[in-house]
């Protein structure tokens, strides 16, 4: 059944495997299925190539070898998966392109609890960013961002987006990675004197992702995303305060 057959189809096929070639009357008895249902089922199984029909009077049905049947069902499952995948991608494209799905003038506060959805939300917002990105984070989180968001950050640099990064102090290897991904002239990195009490990303000073868990892993974190003016203003003020007052200005990247 997990390979795509119904309960009734599975019973009929297994009855043929266990009892050998059978006519409808004995097949109905062995599969505990009504004769009328057996007639419909053997027709379906024949069309799928899972059983053979011998033109005796009455007809005799024979199961194809299980190895053949399983491979046939697996192939059909793969085809169904590809069809569903194509359909899903087309649906996603339609929804993303539908202007009714996004009200640019509406202010939202969205709590994102799905871990993968957090990453997808950051990627989606990075794609919309045109001017600035401000990041306040830990060195572990920034390291992960280099791998999770590298493509989207590089695309932002090509759009001449400017980025400021405030990150907790770390080792030389991490600094080299940061400087490679968050590279000049688009980016400036400053190192905090202490671990940040808030982890956030601000986009164009109009949208913000505030990570509500301070756990090391991005994928383990939940997130508050908002374009609400008051929330974004608070985030901007908090970042600016730390950028100017709570970092080691003698330990900046060149």
Foldseek 3Di string as FASTA:
>chain_A
DVLDDDLQLVLLLVLCVVPPKDDLVVSCVSSVHDSVVSVVNVVVCVVLVQWDWDVDVVIIIHGDDPVVVSVSSNVVVVVVVVVVVVVVVVVVVVLVPDPVNDDPPDWDKDKFDQLVVLLVVVLVVLQVFQAEKEWEAELLVLLVCCVSPLVSLVVNVVSVHAYEYEYADDDPVSVVSCCVSQHPPRYWYFHFPDHDPWTKMQGPLQKMWTWPDNDSDSSNTIIIIIRDNVVSVVVVVVRVCCVPPGTDPVDIDD
